[in-house]
């Protein structure tokens, strides 16, 4: 009779462990599900930014004239302090593709931070560049009597 009691005690302990594991899994699942359903919206970056130093996605340690591969989104980089001999350290550069050639790093015109595509850029000279909130490369262009931020990769 004692073996039967020991066996039923072991079964009870196994069932208790299974119950605890199932309860923890259920609570974790509910917590993850609640986190997904109630998660706050992700911020794309600063809402106001008029300078390169508050612009997200600028790649450090780029070399003037070196090949690059992103000419549409997040095209900016800064010169390295130890590698770039042809430009001053920290200089803003952009990844561009001259006609018929592979993309490479060029010195950037002055940057106006984060701006919205097709918004007015009358506060800046025409040659200024910017980045859209989604990382799109923008250039301030004047045509048809308006001066607006347009895609810089076209």
Protein backbone atom coordinates (compact mmCIF):
# COMPACT_ATOMS: atom_id res chain seq x y z
CA UNK A 1 0.00 0.00 0.00
CA UNK A 2 2.91 2.28 0.68
CA UNK A 3 4.11 1.99 -2.95
CA UNK A 4 0.68 3.08 -4.18
CA UNK A 5 0.84 6.20 -1.96
CA UNK A 6 4.35 7.02 -3.17
CA UNK A 7 3.23 6.57 -6.77
CA UNK A 8 0.17 8.79 -6.34
CA UNK A 9 2.38 11.42 -4.60
CA UNK A 10 4.72 11.38 -7.60
CA UNK A 11 1.78 11.72 -10.00
CA UNK A 12 0.44 14.62 -7.97
CA UNK A 13 3.85 16.35 -8.14
CA UNK A 14 4.09 15.78 -11.90
CA UNK A 15 0.59 17.18 -12.40
CA UNK A 16 1.49 20.21 -10.24
CA UNK A 17 4.64 20.88 -12.32
CA UNK A 18 2.62 20.58 -15.54
CA UNK A 19 0.01 22.98 -14.17
CA UNK A 20 2.67 25.54 -13.17
CA UNK A 21 4.40 25.32 -16.57
CA UNK A 22 1.06 25.71 -18.39
CA UNK A 23 0.07 28.69 -16.23
CA UNK A 24 3.40 30.45 -16.78
CA UNK A 25 3.19 29.83 -20.52
CA UNK A 26 -0.36 31.20 -20.61
CA UNK A 27 0.61 34.34 -18.69
CA UNK A 28 3.63 34.91 -20.90
CA UNK A 29 1.49 34.42 -23.98
CA UNK A 30 -1.09 36.89 -22.73
CA UNK A 31 1.62 39.38 -21.85
CA UNK A 32 3.16 39.16 -25.33
CA UNK A 33 -0.25 39.35 -26.95
CA UNK A 34 -1.23 42.35 -24.84
CA UNK A 35 2.09 44.01 -25.67
CA UNK A 36 1.45 43.55 -29.38
CA UNK A 37 -2.11 44.81 -29.20
CA UNK A 38 -1.38 47.82 -26.99
CA UNK A 39 2.15 48.70 -28.14
CA UNK A 40 2.74 52.43 -28.59
CA UNK A 41 3.54 53.61 -32.11
CA UNK A 42 7.23 53.63 -32.97
CA UNK A 43 8.81 57.01 -33.51
CA UNK A 44 10.48 57.44 -36.89
CA UNK A 45 12.88 60.05 -35.59
CA UNK A 46 12.84 63.63 -34.41
CA UNK A 47 9.84 65.67 -35.53
CA UNK A 48 11.88 68.87 -35.87
CA UNK A 49 15.44 68.71 -37.14
CA UNK A 50 17.23 71.45 -39.04
CA UNK A 51 20.81 70.14 -38.83
CA UNK A 52 22.77 67.00 -39.74
CA UNK A 53 23.57 66.18 -36.11
CA UNK A 54 19.91 65.33 -35.33
CA UNK A 55 19.35 63.36 -38.55
CA UNK A 56 19.14 59.58 -38.01
CA UNK A 57 20.93 57.05 -40.19
CA UNK A 58 24.13 58.95 -41.01
CA UNK A 59 26.83 56.34 -41.57
CA UNK A 60 30.17 57.02 -39.86
CA UNK A 61 33.63 56.18 -41.21
CA UNK A 62 33.07 56.65 -44.95
CA UNK A 63 35.85 57.44 -47.40
CA UNK A 64 35.57 60.10 -50.09
CA UNK A 65 35.43 58.43 -53.52
CA UNK A 66 34.96 54.91 -52.14
CA UNK A 67 32.15 52.74 -53.56
CA UNK A 68 28.74 52.79 -51.86
CA UNK A 69 25.41 51.12 -52.56
CA UNK A 70 22.53 53.19 -51.14
CA UNK A 71 21.66 56.16 -53.36
CA UNK A 72 17.98 56.51 -52.44
CA UNK A 73 17.49 56.06 -48.68
CA UNK A 74 19.87 56.96 -45.83
CA UNK A 75 22.52 58.20 -48.27
CA UNK A 76 24.57 60.29 -45.84
CA UNK A 77 27.85 59.51 -44.16
CA UNK A 78 30.68 61.31 -42.41
CA UNK A 79 34.37 61.16 -43.20
CA UNK A 80 36.56 59.11 -40.89
CA UNK A 81 39.24 60.81 -38.85
CA UNK A 82 41.94 58.31 -39.81
CA UNK A 83 41.13 57.26 -43.37
CA UNK A 84 39.85 60.14 -45.53
CA UNK A 85 42.89 62.00 -46.82
CA UNK A 86 41.04 64.15 -49.35
CA UNK A 87 38.55 65.76 -46.96
CA UNK A 88 38.43 67.02 -43.39
CA UNK A 89 37.38 64.55 -40.67
CA UNK A 90 33.67 64.59 -39.87
CA UNK A 91 32.77 66.14 -43.23
CA UNK A 92 29.25 65.25 -44.40
CA UNK A 93 29.15 63.15 -47.58
CA UNK A 94 26.44 61.45 -49.63
CA UNK A 95 26.30 58.30 -51.71
CA UNK A 96 25.61 59.28 -55.30
CA UNK A 97 25.80 57.78 -58.77
CA UNK A 98 27.25 59.97 -61.52
CA UNK A 99 26.16 59.10 -65.04
CA UNK A 100 27.40 55.72 -66.29
CA UNK A 101 29.49 55.11 -63.15
CA UNK A 102 29.06 53.03 -60.02
CA UNK A 103 27.86 54.92 -56.90
CA UNK A 104 30.53 56.44 -54.66
CA UNK A 105 30.91 58.89 -51.77
CA UNK A 106 30.89 62.63 -52.65
CA UNK A 107 31.18 65.76 -50.50
CA UNK A 108 27.67 66.82 -49.58
CA UNK A 109 26.18 70.26 -50.07
CA UNK A 110 24.92 71.81 -46.82
CA UNK A 111 22.21 69.72 -45.16
CA UNK A 112 18.97 71.07 -43.70
CA UNK A 113 18.12 68.05 -41.52
CA UNK A 114 14.78 66.26 -41.84
CA UNK A 115 12.18 67.70 -44.23
CA UNK A 116 9.02 66.43 -45.91
CA UNK A 117 9.04 65.59 -49.61
CA UNK A 118 7.26 68.26 -51.72
CA UNK A 119 7.20 70.77 -48.85
CA UNK A 120 8.47 74.30 -49.50
CA UNK A 121 12.19 74.97 -49.05
CA UNK A 122 12.15 78.71 -49.64
CA UNK A 123 14.11 79.24 -46.41
CA UNK A 124 17.12 77.47 -47.96
CA UNK A 125 19.27 78.00 -51.06
CA UNK A 126 18.47 75.69 -53.98
CA UNK A 127 21.52 73.50 -53.59
CA UNK A 128 20.75 72.38 -50.00
CA UNK A 129 19.96 68.73 -49.28
CA UNK A 130 17.82 67.03 -46.61
CA UNK A 131 16.43 63.67 -45.56
CA UNK A 132 12.74 62.73 -45.41
CA UNK A 133 11.45 61.10 -42.19
CA UNK A 134 11.62 57.70 -43.93
CA UNK A 135 15.26 58.28 -44.96
CA UNK A 136 14.62 59.41 -48.57
CA UNK A 137 17.35 61.62 -50.09
CA UNK A 138 15.94 65.12 -50.79
CA UNK A 139 17.24 68.15 -52.71
CA UNK A 140 15.83 71.69 -52.67
CA UNK A 141 14.82 72.48 -56.28
CA UNK A 142 13.01 75.43 -57.83
CA UNK A 143 10.71 74.99 -60.83
CA UNK A 144 7.23 76.01 -61.95
CA UNK A 145 7.39 79.04 -59.63
CA UNK A 146 7.86 76.90 -56.49
CA UNK A 147 10.90 75.84 -54.49
CA UNK A 148 10.29 72.41 -52.91
CA UNK A 149 12.11 69.40 -51.44
CA UNK A 150 12.30 66.74 -54.16
CA UNK A 151 13.81 63.28 -54.46
CA UNK A 152 17.54 63.57 -54.88
CA UNK A 153 18.04 60.22 -56.59
CA UNK A 154 16.31 61.16 -59.86
